[in-house]
Amino acid sequence: MDWVRHTTVIAALVAAAGLAVTAWGTLKSAQVADDQLAQSKQRQQQEDRRLASRITTWVDGYHSSEGWVRVVVNRSLDPAAVYLQLFTPGTPRSDDTVEFLGTVPPCTRVDIPGSVFENIYASSDSSRPVGGTNGLIVAEPSGVLWVRQDGGELRTPSSVERARVALAGPEFLMMWKAVKTSSLEECSSAT
């Protein structure tokens, strides 16, 4: 019997088994790393949405002295840069414009009467009929933009909406005398 050959064969088999165990361990480590990366991405998306999820908007019916009123509420403890999406009745969504509302302070309600929008349209193009808003765009402190529609849907903006935000004028609608702000009694941490 040739002990050297048998020992060499056994050593080769042990080495091959060791390599197989190492490969299996590496594969499992890669799977765990992929799972952790997916969880990290999900947490980051939730973090990116944290402020925008606390900004809401709606139209508050018709008030005899002010007409219809657009309400924007920041229920976060953080300020939020907010843009309004404006439309003209009877025109396609591609004709929407974006105006900078301003930085809405934490725990604040903003009431914007329809007369403000009438003034915007009158100053930009008097041939356009008075329109309204169909939602808003919130800029997170991280720079991520979110579109909040009247129905509450929160989505990422299209490239056209991003371009409109970039082209929005520097005018702060919150500075108009007709725009009213008030503090909220309750609001929540954005964490």
Protein backbone atom coordinates (compact mmCIF):
# COMPACT_ATOMS: atom_id res chain seq x y z
CA MET A 1 0.00 0.00 0.00
CA ASP A 2 1.21 3.42 -0.94
CA TRP A 3 0.48 5.63 2.09
CA VAL A 4 1.79 8.75 0.39
CA ARG A 5 -0.75 8.48 -2.44
CA HIS A 6 -3.64 7.77 -0.09
CA THR A 7 -2.64 10.63 2.17
CA THR A 8 -2.42 12.98 -0.84
CA VAL A 9 -5.87 11.90 -2.06
CA ILE A 10 -7.37 12.37 1.41
CA ALA A 11 -5.72 15.77 1.74
CA ALA A 12 -7.09 16.81 -1.67
CA LEU A 13 -10.60 15.67 -0.68
CA VAL A 14 -10.40 17.57 2.61
CA ALA A 15 -9.18 20.69 0.77
CA ALA A 16 -12.02 20.37 -1.78
CA ALA A 17 -14.56 20.00 1.04
CA GLY A 18 -13.05 23.04 2.76
CA LEU A 19 -13.34 25.06 -0.44
CA ALA A 20 -16.97 23.96 -0.86
CA VAL A 21 -17.80 25.03 2.71
CA THR A 22 -16.03 28.37 2.15
CA ALA A 23 -17.94 28.92 -1.12
CA TRP A 24 -21.25 28.11 0.58
CA GLY A 25 -20.39 30.51 3.43
CA THR A 26 -19.47 33.24 0.96
CA LEU A 27 -22.73 32.73 -0.94
CA LYS A 28 -24.76 33.00 2.29
CA SER A 29 -22.81 36.14 3.33
CA ALA A 30 -23.58 37.72 -0.04
CA GLN A 31 -27.28 36.88 0.36
CA VAL A 32 -27.33 38.46 3.84
CA ALA A 33 -25.55 41.54 2.48
CA ASP A 34 -28.12 41.81 -0.34
CA ASP A 35 -30.98 41.55 2.18
CA GLN A 36 -29.38 44.23 4.36
CA LEU A 37 -28.93 46.48 1.32
CA ALA A 38 -32.59 46.03 0.34
CA GLN A 39 -33.68 46.88 3.91
CA SER A 40 -31.38 49.89 3.93
CA LYS A 41 -32.87 51.13 0.65
CA GLN A 42 -36.38 50.67 2.03
CA ARG A 43 -35.48 52.58 5.22
CA GLN A 44 -33.91 55.35 3.12
CA GLN A 45 -37.06 55.67 1.01
CA GLN A 46 -39.17 55.87 4.16
CA GLU A 47 -36.77 58.48 5.55
CA ASP A 48 -36.96 60.42 2.28
CA ARG A 49 -40.77 60.45 2.52
CA ARG A 50 -40.89 61.35 6.21
CA LEU A 51 -41.48 65.08 5.81
CA ALA A 52 -43.62 64.93 2.67
CA SER A 53 -45.95 62.43 4.34
CA ARG A 54 -46.80 65.07 6.97
CA ILE A 55 -47.66 67.81 4.45
CA THR A 56 -51.27 67.74 3.28
CA THR A 57 -53.43 69.91 1.08
CA TRP A 58 -57.09 70.30 0.17
CA VAL A 59 -59.61 72.83 -1.10
CA ASP A 60 -61.78 74.17 1.71
CA GLY A 61 -64.99 74.82 -0.18
CA TYR A 62 -66.38 78.24 -0.89
CA HIS A 63 -66.22 81.13 1.57
CA SER A 64 -68.43 84.12 0.81
CA SER A 65 -65.70 86.69 1.38
CA GLU A 66 -62.76 84.78 -0.13
CA GLY A 67 -64.17 82.33 -2.67
CA TRP A 68 -62.54 78.92 -2.51
CA VAL A 69 -59.55 78.46 -0.21
CA ARG A 70 -56.55 76.16 -0.75
CA VAL A 71 -55.27 74.79 2.57
CA VAL A 72 -51.71 73.51 3.07
CA VAL A 73 -50.80 72.00 6.43
CA ASN A 74 -47.34 71.09 7.73
CA ARG A 75 -47.83 68.64 10.62
CA SER A 76 -44.11 68.04 10.96
CA LEU A 77 -41.64 69.55 13.42
CA ASP A 78 -39.51 70.50 10.41
CA PRO A 79 -40.03 73.39 7.96
CA ALA A 80 -40.92 72.37 4.40
CA ALA A 81 -40.33 74.06 1.04
CA VAL A 82 -43.64 73.76 -0.81
CA TYR A 83 -44.55 74.41 -4.45
CA LEU A 84 -48.13 74.55 -5.72
CA GLN A 85 -49.14 72.93 -9.01
CA LEU A 86 -51.48 75.32 -10.82
CA PHE A 87 -53.77 74.52 -13.71
CA THR A 88 -56.04 76.28 -16.14
CA PRO A 89 -59.48 74.71 -16.65
CA GLY A 90 -59.85 72.90 -19.95
CA THR A 91 -56.12 72.60 -20.63
CA PRO A 92 -54.01 69.46 -20.58
CA ARG A 93 -51.87 68.63 -17.53
CA SER A 94 -48.83 69.41 -19.64
CA ASP A 95 -49.80 73.09 -19.39
CA ASP A 96 -49.68 73.10 -15.57
CA THR A 97 -47.35 75.59 -13.92
CA VAL A 98 -45.60 75.53 -10.55
CA GLU A 99 -45.40 78.45 -8.10
CA PHE A 100 -43.29 78.55 -4.96
CA LEU A 101 -45.55 78.84 -1.91
CA GLY A 102 -42.60 79.30 0.42
CA THR A 103 -41.08 77.49 3.33
CA VAL A 104 -43.99 76.42 5.51
CA PRO A 105 -42.95 76.56 9.18
CA PRO A 106 -43.38 73.53 11.44
CA CYS A 107 -46.87 72.86 12.82
CA THR A 108 -48.48 75.46 10.55
CA ARG A 109 -51.66 75.77 8.49
CA VAL A 110 -51.63 78.03 5.44
CA ASP A 111 -54.94 79.27 3.93
CA ILE A 112 -54.64 80.60 0.38
CA PRO A 113 -57.79 82.24 -0.99
CA GLY A 114 -58.67 81.83 -4.66
CA SER A 115 -58.02 85.55 -5.19
CA VAL A 116 -54.29 84.84 -4.89
CA PHE A 117 -54.50 82.50 -7.86
CA GLU A 118 -56.56 85.03 -9.80
CA ASN A 119 -53.75 87.55 -9.24
CA ILE A 120 -51.11 85.04 -10.37
CA TYR A 121 -52.95 84.37 -13.62
CA ALA A 122 -53.74 88.06 -14.16
CA SER A 123 -50.10 89.04 -13.75
CA SER A 124 -48.74 86.26 -15.99
CA ASP A 125 -51.22 86.17 -18.87
CA SER A 126 -54.54 87.96 -18.68
CA SER A 127 -56.00 85.72 -21.41
CA ARG A 128 -55.81 82.65 -19.16
CA PRO A 129 -58.93 81.90 -17.16
CA VAL A 130 -58.69 81.58 -13.40
CA GLY A 131 -57.60 78.10 -12.47
CA GLY A 132 -56.68 76.42 -9.26
CA THR A 133 -54.33 73.87 -7.83
CA ASN A 134 -54.31 70.13 -8.19
CA GLY A 135 -51.68 69.38 -5.59
CA LEU A 136 -48.29 70.41 -4.36
CA ILE A 137 -44.65 69.45 -4.52
CA VAL A 138 -42.63 69.14 -1.31
CA ALA A 139 -38.85 69.48 -1.27
CA GLU A 140 -37.29 67.37 1.49
CA PRO A 141 -34.21 68.82 3.25
CA SER A 142 -32.21 66.11 1.44
CA GLY A 143 -33.30 67.64 -1.89
CA VAL A 144 -35.68 64.82 -2.79
CA LEU A 145 -38.98 66.04 -4.29
CA TRP A 146 -42.40 64.48 -3.67
CA VAL A 147 -45.74 65.25 -5.30
CA ARG A 148 -48.76 65.29 -2.96
CA GLN A 149 -52.03 65.20 -4.88
CA ASP A 150 -55.41 66.30 -3.55
CA GLY A 151 -56.44 62.68 -3.01
CA GLY A 152 -53.49 62.17 -0.67
CA GLU A 153 -51.33 60.16 -3.07
CA LEU A 154 -47.60 60.70 -2.53
CA ARG A 155 -45.39 59.95 -5.52
CA THR A 156 -42.09 60.94 -7.09
CA PRO A 157 -42.35 63.79 -9.59
CA SER A 158 -41.96 63.35 -13.31
CA SER A 159 -39.03 64.97 -15.11
CA VAL A 160 -41.42 67.69 -16.32
CA GLU A 161 -42.53 68.43 -12.74
CA ARG A 162 -38.88 68.57 -11.60
CA ALA A 163 -38.12 71.05 -14.39
CA ARG A 164 -41.11 73.20 -13.37
CA VAL A 165 -39.82 73.35 -9.79
CA ALA A 166 -36.41 74.42 -11.09
CA LEU A 167 -38.07 77.16 -13.16
CA ALA A 168 -40.47 78.35 -10.45
CA GLY A 169 -40.22 82.04 -9.75
CA PRO A 170 -38.62 83.32 -6.56
CA GLU A 171 -41.87 84.91 -5.36
CA PHE A 172 -43.13 83.57 -2.05
CA LEU A 173 -46.91 83.27 -2.17
CA MET A 174 -46.96 83.10 1.62
CA MET A 175 -45.88 86.74 1.67
CA TRP A 176 -49.12 87.91 0.04
CA LYS A 177 -51.42 89.71 2.49
CA ALA A 178 -54.38 87.52 1.54
CA VAL A 179 -52.52 84.35 2.60
CA LYS A 180 -53.18 83.49 6.24
CA THR A 181 -51.06 81.28 8.47
CA SER A 182 -51.97 79.80 11.81
CA SER A 183 -50.28 77.47 14.29
CA LEU A 184 -51.51 73.93 14.82
CA GLU A 185 -52.15 72.70 18.33
CA GLU A 186 -50.81 69.23 17.54
CA CYS A 187 -48.11 68.03 15.24
CA SER A 188 -45.63 65.16 15.26
CA SER A 189 -41.98 64.44 15.01
CA ALA A 190 -40.79 63.58 11.53
CA THR A 191 -38.88 60.56 12.76
